[in-house]
Amino acid sequence: MSTDNPIVTQAMINAYDEYTHLTLDRRGFMEKLTKLAGSAGAAAAIAPLLAANKASAEVIAADDNRVKGKDVTYAGSKGEMKGYLVRPKDAAGKLGGVIVIHENRGLNPHIRDVARRMALEGFIALAPDFLSPLGGTPEDEDKARDMFTNLDPALTAANAEASLAYLAKLDGANGKVGAVGFCWGGGLINRFATISPELKAGVAYYGAQPPASDVPNIKAALLLHYAGLDDRINAGIDAYRKELQAGGKTFEIFVYDGVNHAFNNDTSAARYDKKAADLAWGRTVEFLKKYVA
């Protein structure tokens, strides 16, 4: 396979998903990728296409004069939480709040950028660093991924509720808060919704479903985005839909055919799908405006 114009196959994308979400370590991933690509050189050329590229992280620059963003600290469930807070610069009236929940790479430049995009839609956006109890998101994203295995799920959900309480009481906030999460963050949205009586709306992108026994506790309206090729996460859709219907919950489910897990992440060339991402984003903004604006 040529290293000048490397071809990324579905098997390669599946191997990367196994590496980033399941049990395959980096060495095992590169060995598998080398076999799929045909050579170590081709594998080396393909690997960056599968991973996120920090150089392409910004759609809305940090110094864009339409928004005001800053790093913040606030009280978590146990200890201090760090986060990135951003709002429209010239907003009229009080705004709804949106918690932007990161993937299993932590609070990185891409998620900060997504928070700025959300602010431009007319919300006060807070992107918490859910690795705060472990010292915060490190620069090395592989180290960040490894840290997630040491997070206490109950404490994480409680810190999501603390983030909601902080955001709801900010100056200029209308007191209504929704949340959007991606990958690991999508799974947290689903769990968060089962414990929070105050969450108005949750938008989960390709997120793992909560235990069926917890679904009756959900109060928030839910918008659930799934990637058509994401067999690992999609295996739980039917059971989740059944429980949501049985409980009379307010929800919408969209499955985007022919796209991969992480299709919204525009820093990953091989997995990003602009058409699906734009459609899902439009639906997300409309949904959040309906419930928290």
Protein backbone atom coordinates (compact mmCIF):
# COMPACT_ATOMS: atom_id res chain seq x y z
CA MET A 1 0.00 0.00 0.00
CA SER A 2 1.38 3.42 -0.96
CA THR A 3 2.35 5.77 1.86
CA ASP A 4 1.72 8.78 -0.39
CA ASN A 5 -2.03 8.22 -0.59
CA PRO A 6 -2.84 5.75 2.18
CA ILE A 7 -6.22 4.04 2.08
CA VAL A 8 -8.07 3.77 5.38
CA THR A 9 -10.31 0.72 5.55
CA GLN A 10 -13.16 -0.06 7.92
CA ALA A 11 -11.04 -2.80 9.50
CA MET A 12 -8.41 -0.19 10.37
CA ILE A 13 -11.03 2.08 11.91
CA ASN A 14 -12.38 -0.87 13.91
CA ALA A 15 -8.86 -1.64 15.15
CA TYR A 16 -8.44 1.97 16.28
CA ASP A 17 -11.77 1.80 18.11
CA GLU A 18 -10.58 -1.38 19.84
CA TYR A 19 -7.40 0.41 20.85
CA THR A 20 -9.08 3.56 22.18
CA HIS A 21 -12.10 1.97 23.86
CA LEU A 22 -11.42 -1.67 24.62
CA THR A 23 -8.40 -3.84 25.44
CA LEU A 24 -5.91 -3.36 22.61
CA ASP A 25 -2.74 -1.47 23.67
CA ARG A 26 -0.78 0.82 21.37
CA ARG A 27 1.79 -1.81 20.48
CA GLY A 28 -0.94 -4.31 19.65
CA PHE A 29 -2.77 -1.67 17.62
CA MET A 30 0.28 -0.83 15.53
CA GLU A 31 0.99 -4.51 14.94
CA LYS A 32 -2.57 -5.04 13.77
CA LEU A 33 -2.51 -1.88 11.66
CA THR A 34 0.76 -2.97 10.04
CA LYS A 35 -0.81 -6.26 8.98
CA LEU A 36 -3.87 -4.48 7.61
CA ALA A 37 -1.82 -1.82 5.81
CA GLY A 38 0.79 -4.21 4.44
CA SER A 39 3.86 -2.51 5.85
CA ALA A 40 5.14 -0.55 8.83
CA GLY A 41 5.55 2.51 6.62
CA ALA A 42 1.96 2.42 5.47
CA ALA A 43 0.78 1.91 9.06
CA ALA A 44 2.80 4.93 10.18
CA ALA A 45 1.13 7.02 7.49
CA ILE A 46 -2.36 5.83 8.35
CA ALA A 47 -2.21 6.10 12.15
CA PRO A 48 -2.34 9.94 12.22
CA LEU A 49 -5.45 9.86 10.02
CA LEU A 50 -7.23 7.74 12.60
CA ALA A 51 -6.13 9.78 15.61
CA ALA A 52 -7.16 13.32 16.46
CA ASN A 53 -5.02 16.13 15.07
CA LYS A 54 -4.59 19.02 17.49
CA ALA A 55 -3.49 21.29 14.67
CA SER A 56 -7.02 21.21 13.27
CA ALA A 57 -8.77 21.61 16.59
CA GLU A 58 -10.08 25.15 16.19
CA VAL A 59 -13.11 26.14 14.16
CA ILE A 60 -13.76 29.12 16.44
CA ALA A 61 -10.49 30.64 17.60
CA ALA A 62 -9.94 31.13 21.31
CA ASP A 63 -9.59 34.88 20.74
CA ASP A 64 -12.65 35.20 18.49
CA ASN A 65 -14.22 38.53 19.44
CA ARG A 66 -17.73 37.10 19.34
CA VAL A 67 -17.20 35.04 22.50
CA LYS A 68 -15.68 35.43 25.95
CA GLY A 69 -13.95 32.34 27.31
CA LYS A 70 -11.91 31.65 30.42
CA ASP A 71 -10.64 28.81 32.57
CA VAL A 72 -12.59 28.44 35.80
CA THR A 73 -12.56 26.45 39.01
CA TYR A 74 -15.63 25.62 41.05
CA ALA A 75 -16.81 23.28 43.77
CA GLY A 76 -17.21 19.68 42.72
CA SER A 77 -18.91 16.93 44.68
CA LYS A 78 -15.65 16.28 46.55
CA GLY A 79 -12.91 18.77 45.85
CA GLU A 80 -12.32 21.30 43.13
CA MET A 81 -13.40 21.02 39.50
CA LYS A 82 -11.64 22.73 36.63
CA GLY A 83 -13.36 23.77 33.43
CA TYR A 84 -13.61 26.12 30.49
CA LEU A 85 -16.47 28.63 30.50
CA VAL A 86 -17.51 30.56 27.40
CA ARG A 87 -20.43 32.78 26.52
CA PRO A 88 -21.49 35.07 23.67
CA LYS A 89 -19.86 38.47 24.00
CA ASP A 90 -22.91 40.64 23.37
CA ALA A 91 -25.80 38.55 24.63
CA ALA A 92 -29.13 40.20 25.34
CA GLY A 93 -31.12 38.76 28.22
CA LYS A 94 -30.46 35.65 30.24
CA LEU A 95 -29.17 32.54 28.50
CA GLY A 96 -29.60 28.82 28.94
CA GLY A 97 -26.60 26.79 30.02
CA VAL A 98 -25.05 23.82 28.24
CA ILE A 99 -22.48 21.47 29.76
CA VAL A 100 -20.12 20.17 27.06
CA ILE A 101 -18.72 16.77 28.09
CA HIS A 102 -15.49 15.57 26.56
CA GLU A 103 -14.45 12.26 25.03
CA ASN A 104 -12.01 9.87 26.72
CA ARG A 105 -9.18 12.29 25.99
CA GLY A 106 -10.24 14.85 28.56
CA LEU A 107 -10.67 18.59 28.21
CA ASN A 108 -8.60 19.12 25.07
CA PRO A 109 -8.50 21.91 22.44
CA HIS A 110 -11.22 20.25 20.35
CA ILE A 111 -13.73 20.22 23.21
CA ARG A 112 -12.89 23.81 24.07
CA ASP A 113 -13.65 24.63 20.47
CA VAL A 114 -16.99 22.80 20.65
CA ALA A 115 -17.84 24.88 23.72
CA ARG A 116 -17.13 28.05 21.75
CA ARG A 117 -19.36 26.81 18.92
CA MET A 118 -22.12 26.23 21.46
CA ALA A 119 -21.68 29.74 22.85
CA LEU A 120 -22.10 31.16 19.37
CA GLU A 121 -25.46 29.38 19.23
CA GLY A 122 -26.61 31.54 22.14
CA PHE A 123 -25.76 29.54 25.26
CA ILE A 124 -23.43 29.83 28.23
CA ALA A 125 -21.26 26.76 27.72
CA LEU A 126 -19.23 25.00 30.40
CA ALA A 127 -16.76 22.28 29.46
CA PRO A 128 -15.75 20.59 32.73
CA ASP A 129 -12.54 18.63 33.10
CA PHE A 130 -13.80 15.37 34.56
CA LEU A 131 -10.20 14.30 35.16
CA SER A 132 -9.95 17.05 37.80
CA PRO A 133 -10.04 14.55 40.71
CA LEU A 134 -6.90 12.98 39.24
CA GLY A 135 -5.08 16.26 38.68
CA GLY A 136 -6.64 17.33 35.41
CA THR A 137 -6.20 16.49 31.74
CA PRO A 138 -2.55 15.91 30.80
CA GLU A 139 -1.02 17.05 27.51
CA ASP A 140 -0.46 13.45 26.39
CA GLU A 141 -3.84 12.16 25.22
CA ASP A 142 -2.84 8.51 25.61
CA LYS A 143 -2.07 9.20 29.28
CA ALA A 144 -5.42 10.93 29.57
CA ARG A 145 -7.19 7.91 28.14
CA ASP A 146 -5.51 5.63 30.64
CA MET A 147 -6.61 7.87 33.51
CA PHE A 148 -10.28 7.26 32.78
CA THR A 149 -10.00 3.71 34.10
CA ASN A 150 -9.24 5.21 37.54
CA LEU A 151 -12.26 7.50 37.70
CA ASP A 152 -15.00 6.69 40.20
CA PRO A 153 -18.24 6.53 38.13
CA ALA A 154 -20.40 7.68 41.04
CA LEU A 155 -18.12 10.63 41.76
CA THR A 156 -18.03 11.52 38.07
CA ALA A 157 -21.82 11.65 37.87
CA ALA A 158 -21.91 13.72 41.07
CA ASN A 159 -19.39 16.13 39.54
CA ALA A 160 -21.68 16.48 36.54
CA GLU A 161 -24.47 17.50 38.91
CA ALA A 162 -22.11 19.96 40.64
CA SER A 163 -21.26 21.42 37.23
CA LEU A 164 -24.96 21.89 36.54
CA ALA A 165 -25.47 23.68 39.85
CA TYR A 166 -22.54 26.01 39.15
CA LEU A 167 -23.70 26.81 35.63
CA ALA A 168 -27.34 27.39 36.60
CA LYS A 169 -26.40 30.10 39.12
CA LEU A 170 -23.99 32.15 36.99
CA ASP A 171 -24.74 35.78 36.27
CA GLY A 172 -26.63 36.00 33.00
CA ALA A 173 -27.92 32.41 33.22
CA ASN A 174 -31.63 31.64 33.10
CA GLY A 175 -31.24 28.68 35.47
CA LYS A 176 -32.05 25.98 32.88
CA VAL A 177 -29.22 23.62 31.95
CA GLY A 178 -28.79 20.98 29.27
CA ALA A 179 -25.77 18.90 28.37
CA VAL A 180 -24.11 17.45 25.30
CA GLY A 181 -21.48 14.72 25.40
CA PHE A 182 -19.36 12.79 22.94
CA CYS A 183 -18.15 9.18 23.15
CA TRP A 184 -17.24 8.75 26.85
CA GLY A 185 -19.14 11.99 27.39
CA GLY A 186 -22.16 10.58 25.59
CA GLY A 187 -22.18 7.68 28.03
CA LEU A 188 -21.93 10.13 30.91
CA ILE A 189 -24.93 12.04 29.53
CA ASN A 190 -26.99 8.86 29.74
CA ARG A 191 -25.85 8.12 33.30
CA PHE A 192 -26.17 11.76 34.37
CA ALA A 193 -29.78 11.82 33.18
CA THR A 194 -30.60 8.92 35.50
CA ILE A 195 -29.49 10.80 38.63
CA SER A 196 -30.28 14.45 37.93
CA PRO A 197 -33.71 15.91 38.62
CA GLU A 198 -32.52 19.31 37.34
CA LEU A 199 -31.07 18.40 33.93
CA LYS A 200 -33.53 19.69 31.33
CA ALA A 201 -32.07 18.10 28.20
CA GLY A 202 -29.29 15.68 27.36
CA VAL A 203 -27.71 15.10 23.95
CA ALA A 204 -25.56 11.98 23.69
CA TYR A 205 -23.32 11.35 20.71
CA TYR A 206 -22.54 7.62 20.36
CA GLY A 207 -22.72 7.11 24.10
CA ALA A 208 -23.03 3.87 26.04
CA GLN A 209 -26.50 3.28 27.42
CA PRO A 210 -27.26 3.25 31.17
CA PRO A 211 -28.47 0.17 33.07
CA ALA A 212 -32.11 -0.59 32.25
CA SER A 213 -33.00 -0.45 35.93
CA ASP A 214 -31.97 3.22 36.07
CA VAL A 215 -33.97 4.43 33.06
CA PRO A 216 -37.19 5.06 35.04
CA ASN A 217 -35.32 7.79 36.97
CA ILE A 218 -34.72 9.91 33.86
CA LYS A 219 -36.41 13.34 33.91
CA ALA A 220 -34.56 15.10 31.08
CA ALA A 221 -35.55 15.08 27.44
CA LEU A 222 -32.97 13.08 25.47
CA LEU A 223 -31.56 13.34 21.96
CA LEU A 224 -29.45 10.32 21.06
CA HIS A 225 -27.12 10.33 18.04
CA TYR A 226 -25.57 7.06 16.85
CA ALA A 227 -23.15 6.15 14.06
CA GLY A 228 -24.44 3.48 11.71
CA LEU A 229 -21.13 1.56 11.66
CA ASP A 230 -20.64 1.66 15.43
CA ASP A 231 -21.67 -1.92 16.23
CA ARG A 232 -20.14 -1.81 19.72
CA ILE A 233 -22.35 1.02 20.99
CA ASN A 234 -25.34 0.32 18.75
CA ALA A 235 -25.85 -3.11 20.31
CA GLY A 236 -27.62 -1.37 23.20
CA ILE A 237 -29.97 0.88 21.21
CA ASP A 238 -33.02 -1.38 20.97
CA ALA A 239 -33.09 -2.21 24.67
CA TYR A 240 -32.62 1.45 25.61
CA ARG A 241 -35.40 2.53 23.26
CA LYS A 242 -37.71 -0.07 24.77
CA GLU A 243 -37.06 1.13 28.31
CA LEU A 244 -37.48 4.79 27.36
CA GLN A 245 -40.78 4.03 25.64
CA ALA A 246 -41.99 1.94 28.55
CA GLY A 247 -41.27 4.80 30.94
CA GLY A 248 -42.98 7.41 28.80
CA LYS A 249 -39.76 9.40 28.48
CA THR A 250 -39.24 12.26 26.03
CA PHE A 251 -36.57 11.19 23.56
CA GLU A 252 -35.42 11.12 19.96
CA ILE A 253 -33.01 8.65 18.39
CA PHE A 254 -31.12 9.19 15.14
CA VAL A 255 -28.81 6.66 13.52
CA TYR A 256 -26.57 8.09 10.79
CA ASP A 257 -26.01 5.42 8.16
CA GLY A 258 -22.55 4.66 6.85
CA VAL A 259 -20.59 6.72 9.40
CA ASN A 260 -18.24 5.76 12.21
CA HIS A 261 -18.05 6.31 15.94
CA ALA A 262 -16.70 9.83 16.52
CA PHE A 263 -18.18 11.11 13.25
CA ASN A 264 -18.60 14.54 14.84
CA ASN A 265 -14.90 14.96 15.69
CA ASP A 266 -13.50 17.05 12.86
CA THR A 267 -9.93 16.61 14.10
CA SER A 268 -9.97 12.93 13.03
CA ALA A 269 -9.70 12.81 9.23
CA ALA A 270 -10.62 9.13 8.84
CA ARG A 271 -13.73 9.12 11.06
CA TYR A 272 -15.18 12.61 10.66
CA ASP A 273 -18.23 12.87 8.40
CA LYS A 274 -19.19 16.45 7.66
CA LYS A 275 -22.68 15.71 6.35
CA ALA A 276 -23.67 13.66 9.39
CA ALA A 277 -21.90 16.04 11.79
CA ASP A 278 -23.67 19.10 10.39
CA LEU A 279 -27.06 17.39 10.47
CA ALA A 280 -26.56 16.17 14.04
CA TRP A 281 -25.30 19.57 15.19
CA GLY A 282 -28.33 21.33 13.73
CA ARG A 283 -30.62 18.91 15.51
CA THR A 284 -28.64 19.33 18.73
CA VAL A 285 -28.88 23.12 18.74
CA GLU A 286 -32.59 23.06 17.91
CA PHE A 287 -33.22 20.54 20.71
CA LEU A 288 -31.27 22.50 23.31
CA LYS A 289 -32.97 25.76 22.34
CA LYS A 290 -36.32 24.07 22.80
CA TYR A 291 -35.58 22.91 26.34
CA VAL A 292 -33.10 25.37 27.91
CA ALA A 293 -33.13 28.66 25.98
